[in-house]
Protein backbone atom coordinates (compact mmCIF):
# COMPACT_ATOMS: atom_id res chain seq x y z
CA MET A 1 17.27 -25.63 16.30
CA LEU A 2 20.07 -23.47 15.59
CA THR A 3 18.85 -22.79 11.89
CA SER A 4 15.57 -22.28 12.77
CA MET A 5 16.07 -19.83 15.17
CA LEU A 6 18.33 -17.93 12.90
CA LEU A 7 15.72 -17.91 9.92
CA ALA A 8 13.12 -16.91 12.77
CA GLY A 9 15.31 -14.05 13.27
CA THR A 10 15.79 -13.11 9.49
CA LEU A 11 12.27 -13.04 9.34
CA LEU A 12 11.24 -10.72 12.30
CA LEU A 13 13.94 -8.53 10.85
CA GLN A 14 12.49 -8.64 7.55
CA SER A 15 8.94 -7.60 8.87
CA GLU A 16 10.22 -4.92 11.19
CA GLY A 17 11.95 -3.97 8.35
CA ILE A 18 9.07 -3.12 5.65
CA LYS A 19 7.30 -2.07 8.77
CA ALA A 20 9.45 1.46 8.70
CA TYR A 21 8.52 2.23 4.99
CA PHE A 22 4.58 1.07 5.73
CA PRO A 23 4.11 2.18 9.40
CA LEU A 24 0.65 0.47 10.68
CA ASN A 25 0.07 1.46 14.23
CA THR A 26 -3.14 1.84 15.18
CA GLY A 27 -3.46 5.77 15.43
CA ASP A 28 -0.95 6.53 12.57
CA LYS A 29 -2.11 9.32 10.93
CA TRP A 30 -1.12 10.79 7.13
CA VAL A 31 -2.54 13.63 5.68
CA TYR A 32 -2.23 14.13 1.94
CA ASP A 33 -3.13 16.80 -1.11
CA GLU A 34 -4.53 14.28 -3.67
CA THR A 35 -4.74 16.35 -7.28
CA GLY A 36 -5.45 15.01 -10.83
CA ASP A 37 -7.30 15.51 -14.03
CA THR A 38 -10.54 15.12 -12.04
CA GLY A 39 -9.97 17.39 -9.49
CA SER A 40 -8.32 17.99 -6.20
CA MET A 41 -8.81 16.55 -2.68
CA ARG A 42 -7.38 16.46 0.95
CA VAL A 43 -7.28 12.80 2.10
CA THR A 44 -6.83 11.44 5.83
CA ASP A 45 -5.62 8.06 6.25
CA ILE A 46 -5.71 6.45 9.63
CA VAL A 47 -4.35 2.99 10.83
CA GLY A 48 -7.33 0.99 12.90
CA ASP A 49 -7.48 -1.39 15.43
CA GLU A 50 -6.11 -4.99 14.29
CA VAL A 51 -8.87 -7.75 13.25
CA LYS A 52 -9.01 -11.01 12.61
CA ILE A 53 -9.96 -11.85 8.69
CA ASN A 54 -9.90 -15.95 7.97
CA GLY A 55 -7.99 -16.14 11.47
CA PHE A 56 -5.05 -14.13 10.46
CA PRO A 57 -4.30 -10.46 11.88
CA CYS A 58 -4.96 -7.85 10.08
CA ILE A 59 -4.81 -4.25 9.79
CA PRO A 60 -7.35 -1.52 8.27
CA VAL A 61 -6.20 1.59 7.05
CA ILE A 62 -9.23 4.03 6.76
CA SER A 63 -9.52 6.98 3.91
CA SER A 64 -11.57 9.90 4.40
CA SER A 65 -12.10 13.36 3.08
CA ASN A 66 -14.18 16.19 4.68
CA GLY A 67 -15.34 13.78 7.23
CA LYS A 68 -16.69 11.30 4.79
CA GLU A 69 -15.15 7.52 4.60
CA LEU A 70 -13.78 6.89 1.18
CA ASP A 71 -12.46 3.40 1.67
CA ARG A 72 -10.58 1.18 3.85
CA VAL A 73 -8.12 -1.88 3.00
CA TYR A 74 -6.95 -4.43 4.90
CA TYR A 75 -3.50 -5.17 5.17
CA THR A 76 -1.29 -8.18 6.78
CA VAL A 77 2.57 -7.88 7.20
CA GLY A 78 5.02 -10.67 6.55
CA GLU A 79 8.52 -11.81 5.28
CA GLY A 80 9.38 -8.46 4.13
CA GLN A 81 6.38 -7.19 2.35
CA VAL A 82 3.06 -6.01 3.02
CA MET A 83 0.12 -7.73 1.17
CA ILE A 84 -3.82 -6.59 0.86
CA VAL A 85 -6.17 -9.16 2.44
CA ALA A 86 -9.39 -7.49 1.92
CA PHE A 87 -11.16 -4.32 1.05
CA LYS A 88 -14.51 -5.41 3.00
CA GLU A 89 -13.73 -7.31 6.69
CA ASP A 90 -16.28 -9.87 5.65
CA LYS A 91 -15.26 -10.15 1.91
CA PRO A 92 -11.30 -11.15 1.79
CA LEU A 93 -9.79 -12.16 -1.44
CA LYS A 94 -8.84 -15.28 -2.15
CA SER A 95 -5.17 -14.57 -2.67
CA PRO A 96 -3.52 -11.44 -1.18
CA TYR A 97 -0.94 -9.78 -2.89
CA ALA A 98 1.74 -7.68 -2.03
CA ILE A 99 1.96 -3.79 -2.67
CA ILE A 100 5.29 -2.87 -1.36
CA ARG A 101 8.36 -5.13 -0.14
CA LEU A 102 11.72 -4.74 0.65
CA PRO A 103 14.45 -4.53 -2.13
CA GLU A 104 16.79 -7.64 -0.28
CA LEU A 105 13.94 -9.60 -1.02
CA GLY A 106 14.33 -9.02 -4.77
CA SER A 107 13.53 -6.36 -7.19
CA LYS A 108 10.51 -7.71 -8.73
CA TRP A 109 7.60 -9.58 -8.31
CA SER A 110 4.18 -10.79 -10.17
CA HIS A 111 0.88 -11.79 -8.72
CA ASN A 112 -2.29 -13.09 -10.82
CA GLY A 113 -5.23 -13.34 -8.73
CA GLU A 114 -8.08 -11.29 -8.41
CA THR A 115 -8.96 -7.87 -6.54
CA MET A 116 -12.48 -5.98 -5.97
CA MET A 117 -14.02 -2.80 -7.94
CA GLY A 118 -16.59 -1.94 -5.82
CA ASP A 119 -18.32 -4.65 -4.80
CA ALA A 120 -17.53 -6.71 -8.06
CA PRO A 121 -14.45 -9.02 -8.06
CA ALA A 122 -12.04 -8.42 -10.93
CA ASP A 123 -9.23 -10.27 -12.69
CA LEU A 124 -5.95 -8.99 -11.71
CA GLU A 125 -2.21 -9.20 -13.31
CA LEU A 126 0.20 -7.40 -11.23
CA GLU A 127 3.80 -6.70 -11.67
CA GLY A 128 5.98 -4.65 -9.12
CA ASN A 129 9.15 -3.61 -9.01
CA VAL A 130 11.16 -1.68 -5.94
CA LYS A 131 14.72 -0.21 -5.61
CA LYS A 132 16.49 1.66 -3.13
CA ILE A 133 16.48 5.57 -4.10
CA GLY A 134 18.92 7.12 -1.15
CA GLN A 135 17.42 9.59 0.75
CA ARG A 136 14.45 12.51 0.16
CA GLU A 137 13.37 15.12 2.36
CA PHE A 138 10.38 15.67 4.59
CA ASP A 139 9.28 18.35 6.89
CA GLY A 140 12.67 19.41 7.14
CA LYS A 141 14.34 15.96 7.88
CA LYS A 142 16.35 13.29 5.39
CA VAL A 143 14.99 9.78 5.29
CA ASP A 144 16.27 6.38 3.82
CA ALA A 145 13.54 5.94 0.83
CA ILE A 146 12.66 2.71 -1.70
CA GLU A 147 10.61 3.68 -5.00
CA VAL A 148 7.74 0.94 -5.54
CA ARG A 149 6.48 0.44 -9.27
CA LEU A 150 3.20 -1.34 -9.76
CA LYS A 151 1.26 -2.13 -12.68
CA ALA A 152 -1.90 -3.63 -12.14
CA THR A 153 -4.22 -4.88 -15.42
CA LEU A 154 -7.79 -5.39 -14.17
CA LEU A 155 -10.70 -7.31 -16.04
CA GLU A 156 -14.54 -6.91 -14.44
CA ALA A 157 -16.31 -9.15 -14.91
CA PHE A 158 -18.48 -8.12 -17.34
CA GLY A 159 -15.64 -7.69 -19.77
CA THR A 160 -14.25 -4.03 -19.20
CA GLY A 161 -10.60 -3.86 -18.79
CA PHE A 162 -8.11 -1.32 -17.79
CA THR A 163 -4.30 -0.26 -16.26
CA VAL A 164 -3.13 1.55 -13.33
CA GLU A 165 0.57 2.29 -13.17
CA GLN A 166 1.40 4.03 -9.95
CA VAL A 167 4.86 5.69 -8.72
CA ALA A 168 5.33 5.58 -4.90
CA VAL A 169 8.07 7.35 -2.68
CA TYR A 170 8.32 5.61 0.86
CA GLY A 171 10.06 6.99 3.40
CA LYS A 172 11.61 5.36 6.31
CA GLY A 173 9.89 5.81 9.29
CA ILE A 174 7.20 7.64 7.88
CA GLY A 175 5.36 5.59 4.96
CA LEU A 176 3.96 6.94 1.76
CA ILE A 177 5.41 10.03 0.82
CA SER A 178 4.07 10.47 -2.69
CA MET A 179 2.33 8.85 -5.34
CA GLU A 180 2.14 9.66 -9.15
CA MET A 181 -0.79 7.28 -10.63
CA THR A 182 -1.88 6.59 -14.59
CA THR A 183 -4.89 4.65 -15.01
CA LYS A 184 -5.46 3.69 -18.86
CA LEU A 185 -9.17 3.48 -19.95
CA PRO A 186 -10.06 1.87 -23.06
CA LYS A 187 -10.30 5.36 -24.97
CA ARG A 188 -8.73 7.70 -22.26
CA SER A 189 -6.06 8.28 -19.77
CA ILE A 190 -6.27 10.12 -16.30
CA LYS A 191 -3.76 10.72 -13.98
CA SER A 192 -3.61 12.07 -10.35
CA GLN A 193 -0.61 12.49 -7.89
CA ARG A 194 -0.70 12.19 -4.00
CA LYS A 195 1.49 14.31 -1.73
CA LEU A 196 2.32 13.98 2.02
CA VAL A 197 1.15 17.35 3.72
CA SER A 198 1.60 15.51 7.54
CA PHE A 199 2.29 12.51 9.34
CA THR A 200 1.36 12.10 12.92
CA PRO A 201 2.32 8.47 14.35
CA LYS A 202 0.45 7.32 16.78
CA THR A 203 4.01 7.59 19.73
CA SER A 204 3.95 10.87 19.03
CA GLU A 205 0.19 11.70 20.75
């Protein structure tokens, strides 16, 4: 009984810990400047209301620019990591995959499965790496930060393959602060950056 209680307490702490680096409270809002080889734009991410997918609670993050929705991603939180469950509520992935985790769970992880590209499924090979990087400053405040590196190799159903590499910095109590991404296509590479402009947590409204 005591062992079960301790295990439950540990899992709860891990869940609460990862939420500090990846807040998912309904109404949380981030504004980012995105720049890259294909242009620039300002993007707003807002956490939506919790929904059930395959009976499990999932939380959508809706991205938009100039009032137009770009995409939405459904996440679930568990045991020190945040996983992508779906890109459309009625089309869950066969196997969710982690895009951020606490360093305490181990610095590396991997996943073989599938993801979605538009409306079509694509094979996915994912390698992740996380580490603590001390403190980073945002909006005049210094916060503990972690760096997450992801390398995703995708193969579409009709045979086109490419690789996406990203380096993301997450701040405690804030979420994503910055991201650099390189998409390696068969004949060229495309680079982009995302930088946090403002973060408005639900509790401050």
